[in-house]
Protein backbone atom coordinates (compact mmCIF):
# COMPACT_ATOMS: atom_id res chain seq x y z
CA MET A 1 123.69 254.90 -63.25
CA ASN A 2 124.48 253.78 -66.62
CA PRO A 3 122.24 255.70 -69.25
CA VAL A 4 121.17 252.48 -70.91
CA VAL A 5 120.32 250.84 -67.89
CA LYS A 6 118.33 253.92 -66.86
CA GLY A 7 116.80 253.93 -70.43
CA TYR A 8 115.27 250.44 -69.69
CA LEU A 9 114.18 251.39 -66.30
CA ARG A 10 112.38 254.46 -67.93
CA LEU A 11 110.63 252.14 -70.49
CA CYS A 12 109.30 250.08 -67.54
CA ARG A 13 107.71 253.29 -65.76
CA PRO A 14 109.05 252.41 -62.10
CA PRO A 15 106.67 254.75 -60.24
CA ASN A 16 103.77 252.74 -61.54
CA LEU A 17 105.06 249.33 -60.67
CA PRO A 18 104.25 249.54 -57.03
CA THR A 19 100.53 250.37 -57.88
CA ALA A 20 100.28 247.06 -59.58
CA ALA A 21 101.67 245.17 -56.44
CA ALA A 22 99.16 247.12 -54.31
CA ASP A 23 96.37 245.82 -56.81
CA VAL A 24 97.28 242.14 -56.10
CA LEU A 25 97.68 242.72 -52.38
CA ALA A 26 94.18 244.29 -52.37
CA GLY A 27 92.96 240.81 -54.58
CA LEU A 28 94.78 238.57 -51.88
CA ALA A 29 92.90 240.32 -49.12
CA ILE A 30 89.51 239.85 -50.86
CA ALA A 31 90.27 236.26 -51.40
CA GLY A 32 90.99 235.98 -47.40
CA TYR A 33 94.58 235.20 -47.75
CA TYR A 34 95.51 237.24 -44.61
CA THR A 35 92.37 235.90 -42.39
CA ARG A 36 92.91 232.10 -43.22
CA ASN A 37 94.57 230.02 -40.65
CA MET A 38 96.86 228.53 -43.04
CA PRO A 39 97.75 230.94 -45.96
CA ILE A 40 100.04 229.58 -48.72
CA TYR A 41 103.02 231.55 -48.00
CA GLY A 42 105.01 232.43 -51.10
CA ASN A 43 102.13 232.37 -53.49
CA ASP A 44 101.44 236.12 -52.55
CA PHE A 45 104.81 237.17 -53.78
CA LEU A 46 104.69 235.05 -56.73
CA LEU A 47 101.37 236.76 -57.85
CA ILE A 48 102.74 240.31 -56.91
CA PHE A 49 105.86 239.88 -59.18
CA ALA A 50 103.94 238.30 -61.81
CA SER A 51 101.77 241.61 -61.71
CA VAL A 52 104.72 243.70 -61.75
CA PHE A 53 106.35 241.82 -64.71
CA LEU A 54 103.19 242.16 -66.86
CA TYR A 55 102.76 245.87 -66.04
CA ALA A 56 106.30 246.62 -67.00
CA GLY A 57 106.01 244.56 -69.99
CA GLY A 58 102.79 246.47 -71.08
CA VAL A 59 104.38 249.89 -70.69
CA VAL A 60 107.58 249.05 -72.57
CA LEU A 61 105.51 247.42 -75.41
CA ASN A 62 103.36 250.70 -75.21
CA ASP A 63 106.40 252.62 -76.24
CA VAL A 64 107.31 250.05 -78.88
CA PHE A 65 104.02 250.35 -80.63
CA ASP A 66 104.30 254.19 -80.21
CA ALA A 67 107.82 254.66 -81.39
CA LYS A 68 106.81 256.75 -84.47
CA LEU A 69 104.31 258.84 -82.90
CA ASP A 70 106.82 259.39 -79.79
CA ALA A 71 109.42 260.54 -82.43
CA VAL A 72 107.18 263.44 -83.10
CA GLU A 73 105.48 264.13 -79.79
CA ARG A 74 108.09 262.96 -77.25
CA PRO A 75 111.43 262.56 -78.88
CA GLU A 76 112.90 262.57 -75.56
CA ARG A 77 111.76 258.97 -74.63
CA PRO A 78 114.27 256.10 -74.80
CA ILE A 79 113.18 254.68 -78.10
CA PRO A 80 112.84 257.58 -80.33
CA SER A 81 115.97 259.42 -78.87
CA GLY A 82 117.85 256.06 -80.02
CA LEU A 83 118.98 255.05 -76.36
CA ILE A 84 117.37 251.87 -76.52
CA PRO A 85 117.00 250.05 -80.09
CA LEU A 86 113.34 249.51 -81.03
CA GLN A 87 114.07 245.42 -81.40
CA ASN A 88 115.77 245.27 -78.22
CA ALA A 89 112.81 247.24 -76.51
CA ARG A 90 110.36 244.87 -78.23
CA ILE A 91 112.23 241.66 -76.95
CA PHE A 92 112.36 243.09 -73.46
CA GLY A 93 108.84 243.78 -73.36
CA PHE A 94 107.65 240.45 -74.44
CA ALA A 95 110.36 238.84 -71.94
CA LEU A 96 108.61 240.72 -69.10
CA LEU A 97 105.12 239.57 -70.24
CA ALA A 98 106.41 235.72 -70.61
CA LEU A 99 108.09 236.22 -67.00
CA GLY A 100 104.75 237.49 -65.50
CA ILE A 101 102.80 234.66 -66.97
CA LEU A 102 105.31 231.91 -65.86
CA LEU A 103 105.18 233.53 -62.08
CA ALA A 104 101.50 233.10 -62.36
CA THR A 105 101.63 229.66 -63.59
CA LEU A 106 103.50 228.55 -60.35
CA VAL A 107 100.65 229.48 -58.22
CA SER A 108 97.76 227.77 -60.34
CA MET A 109 96.24 227.13 -63.57
CA LEU A 110 93.57 229.70 -62.79
CA SER A 111 96.13 232.31 -62.20
CA MET A 112 97.71 231.55 -65.23
CA VAL A 113 94.52 231.92 -67.19
CA VAL A 114 94.11 235.23 -65.82
CA ALA A 115 97.77 236.21 -66.36
CA LEU A 116 97.16 235.13 -69.95
CA CYS A 117 93.93 237.37 -70.29
CA LEU A 118 95.76 240.11 -68.81
CA ALA A 119 98.78 239.95 -71.21
CA CYS A 120 96.33 239.86 -74.03
CA SER A 121 94.34 242.74 -72.89
CA ILE A 122 97.56 244.54 -72.54
CA LEU A 123 98.68 243.83 -76.15
CA ALA A 124 95.24 244.70 -77.48
CA TYR A 125 95.45 248.13 -75.64
CA ASP A 126 99.06 248.62 -76.94
CA ALA A 127 98.45 247.65 -80.44
CA TYR A 128 94.93 248.63 -81.26
CA SER A 129 92.31 249.69 -78.75
CA LYS A 130 94.11 252.91 -77.43
CA ASN A 131 93.32 254.56 -80.69
CA PHE A 132 89.61 254.60 -79.90
CA SER A 133 87.93 257.32 -77.52
CA PHE A 134 85.75 254.64 -75.56
CA LEU A 135 87.39 251.21 -76.37
CA GLY A 136 90.94 252.43 -75.21
CA PRO A 137 89.93 253.64 -71.83
CA PHE A 138 87.62 250.74 -71.46
CA ASN A 139 90.68 248.28 -72.36
CA MET A 140 92.85 250.03 -69.96
CA GLY A 141 90.34 249.83 -67.04
CA LEU A 142 89.89 245.87 -67.95
CA CYS A 143 93.80 245.37 -67.47
CA ARG A 144 93.52 246.67 -63.94
CA ALA A 145 90.35 244.78 -63.10
CA LEU A 146 92.33 241.68 -64.36
CA ASN A 147 95.15 242.59 -62.24
CA LEU A 148 92.97 242.79 -59.15
CA LEU A 149 91.53 239.48 -60.14
CA LEU A 150 94.94 237.80 -60.44
CA GLY A 151 95.53 238.27 -56.75
CA ILE A 152 92.14 236.83 -55.94
CA THR A 153 92.93 233.87 -57.81
CA VAL A 154 95.48 232.70 -54.92
CA PHE A 155 92.88 230.22 -53.69
CA GLN A 156 91.88 229.09 -57.17
CA SER A 157 88.54 230.86 -56.90
CA PHE A 158 86.82 234.14 -57.88
CA THR A 159 85.63 235.19 -54.40
CA GLY A 160 84.62 238.85 -54.25
CA VAL A 161 84.71 239.34 -58.14
CA ALA A 162 82.39 242.27 -57.79
CA TYR A 163 85.15 244.40 -56.47
CA THR A 164 86.97 244.26 -60.09
CA VAL A 165 84.37 246.88 -61.37
CA ILE A 166 86.19 249.59 -58.87
CA PRO A 167 89.43 249.51 -61.08
CA LEU A 168 87.75 249.26 -64.24
CA LEU A 169 85.63 252.44 -63.72
CA PHE A 170 88.57 254.20 -62.15
CA ILE A 171 91.22 253.50 -64.71
CA PHE A 172 88.76 254.15 -67.52
CA ALA A 173 88.35 257.74 -65.90
CA VAL A 174 92.22 258.38 -65.68
CA THR A 175 92.72 257.07 -69.10
CA LEU A 176 90.01 259.72 -70.28
CA VAL A 177 91.70 262.40 -68.53
CA SER A 178 95.10 261.49 -70.23
CA ARG A 179 93.58 262.15 -73.76
CA GLY A 180 94.66 265.81 -73.21
CA GLU A 181 98.33 265.31 -72.09
CA VAL A 182 99.90 266.42 -75.22
CA HIS A 183 97.41 269.02 -76.73
CA GLY A 184 95.04 269.89 -73.60
CA ASN A 185 91.54 270.93 -74.49
CA ASN A 186 89.74 268.02 -72.57
CA LYS A 187 87.27 269.63 -70.08
CA LYS A 188 84.46 267.11 -71.19
CA ASN A 189 86.60 264.24 -70.27
CA ILE A 190 87.57 265.71 -67.03
CA VAL A 191 83.89 266.30 -65.98
CA THR A 192 83.04 262.47 -67.06
CA ALA A 193 86.19 261.67 -64.81
CA ALA A 194 84.92 263.56 -61.74
CA ILE A 195 81.66 261.84 -62.02
CA LEU A 196 83.37 258.40 -62.37
CA TYR A 197 85.73 259.15 -59.39
CA SER A 198 82.66 259.83 -57.37
CA LEU A 199 80.97 256.79 -58.44
CA VAL A 200 83.92 254.75 -57.44
CA ILE A 201 83.99 256.07 -53.97
CA VAL A 202 80.14 255.31 -53.60
CA ILE A 203 80.83 251.56 -54.80
CA ILE A 204 83.61 251.09 -52.44
CA ILE A 205 81.41 252.28 -49.59
CA VAL A 206 78.41 250.09 -50.67
CA LEU A 207 80.71 247.04 -51.20
CA HIS A 208 82.15 247.41 -47.78
CA LYS A 209 79.00 247.68 -46.00
CA ALA A 210 77.96 244.36 -47.79
CA TYR A 211 81.20 242.36 -47.49
CA GLY A 212 83.57 244.30 -45.27
CA VAL A 213 84.30 243.76 -41.50
CA GLY A 214 83.10 247.23 -40.55
CA SER A 215 86.54 249.05 -39.87
CA PHE A 216 86.28 252.72 -40.33
CA VAL A 217 90.03 253.17 -41.30
CA TYR A 218 88.96 252.55 -44.98
CA LEU A 219 87.17 255.92 -44.93
CA ILE A 220 90.44 257.68 -44.00
CA MET A 221 91.94 256.14 -47.08
CA LEU A 222 89.21 257.21 -49.17
CA LEU A 223 89.27 260.66 -47.95
CA GLY A 224 93.17 260.83 -48.80
CA PHE A 225 92.07 259.27 -52.16
CA ALA A 226 89.39 262.09 -52.95
CA PHE A 227 91.83 264.78 -51.91
CA MET A 228 94.65 263.23 -54.12
CA VAL A 229 92.61 262.90 -57.24
CA PHE A 230 89.90 265.81 -57.05
CA LYS A 231 92.53 268.70 -56.24
CA PRO A 232 94.82 268.32 -59.74
CA LEU A 233 91.48 267.40 -61.56
CA ARG A 234 89.91 270.56 -60.69
CA LYS A 235 93.10 272.48 -61.35
CA ALA A 236 93.40 270.93 -64.93
CA TYR A 237 89.72 271.80 -65.46
CA LEU A 238 89.99 275.63 -64.65
CA ASN A 239 93.54 275.79 -66.60
CA ASN A 240 93.18 273.10 -69.36
CA VAL A 241 96.78 272.70 -70.45
CA PRO A 242 98.82 269.71 -70.88
CA LYS A 243 101.00 270.46 -67.76
CA ASN A 244 98.01 270.54 -65.46
CA ILE A 245 96.44 267.46 -67.22
CA MET A 246 99.59 265.28 -66.77
CA LYS A 247 99.62 266.03 -62.87
CA ALA A 248 95.87 264.97 -62.84
CA VAL A 249 96.81 261.85 -64.72
CA LYS A 250 99.76 261.17 -62.34
CA ALA A 251 97.66 261.75 -59.28
CA GLY A 252 95.21 259.26 -60.65
CA VAL A 253 97.68 256.63 -61.40
CA LEU A 254 99.27 256.68 -58.09
CA SER A 255 96.30 257.02 -56.15
CA ILE A 256 94.98 253.68 -57.05
CA VAL A 257 97.19 252.53 -54.07
CA LEU A 258 94.84 254.20 -51.63
CA ILE A 259 91.80 252.47 -53.37
CA ASP A 260 93.67 249.22 -52.93
CA ALA A 261 94.13 249.77 -49.29
CA ALA A 262 90.54 250.86 -48.73
CA ILE A 263 89.51 247.53 -50.32
CA ALA A 264 91.92 245.44 -48.33
CA VAL A 265 90.90 246.75 -45.01
CA ALA A 266 87.44 245.63 -45.75
CA HIS A 267 88.60 241.89 -45.97
CA SER A 268 91.67 241.82 -43.53
CA ASN A 269 92.77 244.65 -41.13
CA TRP A 270 94.08 247.92 -40.86
CA GLN A 271 97.54 246.69 -40.96
CA ILE A 272 97.47 245.13 -44.43
CA GLY A 273 95.82 248.60 -45.51
CA MET A 274 98.69 250.66 -44.05
CA LEU A 275 101.25 248.23 -45.81
CA ILE A 276 99.60 249.02 -49.01
CA VAL A 277 99.55 252.62 -48.22
CA LEU A 278 103.29 252.66 -48.10
CA PHE A 279 103.49 252.01 -51.69
CA LEU A 280 102.13 255.46 -52.33
CA PRO A 281 105.46 257.37 -50.99
CA LEU A 282 107.61 254.82 -52.69
CA SER A 283 105.57 255.67 -56.19
CA ILE A 284 105.96 259.37 -55.34
CA LEU A 285 109.62 258.96 -54.64
CA LEU A 286 110.07 257.23 -57.91
CA ALA A 287 108.04 259.57 -60.08
CA ARG A 288 110.87 262.18 -58.95
CA LEU A 289 113.23 260.25 -60.96
CA PHE A 290 111.03 258.59 -63.74
CA ALA A 291 107.98 259.66 -65.86
CA VAL A 292 104.65 258.30 -64.60
CA THR A 293 103.25 258.32 -68.25
């Protein structure tokens, strides 16, 4: 592969992109997209790709805003290494955001509003809030909550908006853990994350009982999620070094697919849940080729 092309792909964090698509699929399921007699075929793909482009634009621009810091801490990245000029990366990132908003606009005005809010939240994190210990993780969690909400807007309503608290809390926790990726020494954040991970599991079970169809398959997905996130988190706590923390963060980012699958099963069927689960091996495969964080 051409080094420059690969550089642009590295900026987009390909392993993370299927997780953005999984959020929207879960949102579509919450909205009843897969259970209505006459779903609007095509809008699902528009929202999925809108989400993917918004996510990609966000991580590209994150590297743009972090260019000076990465020159010191991560000089091998595409921008500080000189492979991708800073201005080119900036244009690329904003173009991806604009494309994501455009695709959402083709679905409905409500989808466009949510996409705009998501883009603004992304920029707020990239340019400002990530520098703060609470606001940064909260802002990142808000981005994921809006991403789920984007899928929910397929029928121009906010059905099941209570579910957005799940990605908000979970990604807040993952972002807390990521605070030790470079220097380590973040045991307090890891303990907080473990509590929030457990709370997320409880909330999913409660919401499933309140709104779900009663399928037990979601419990299998939750067990898989728990195993995937708690094992590396425990290791990162016992040996609190950047390498183990990065593995815990990677597991957290990728495991949101299993959360989305569990949510989707509650509002559609186990087949949709299994379809979402298939994004996980895709993300893991891409993670062997590209960095997650």
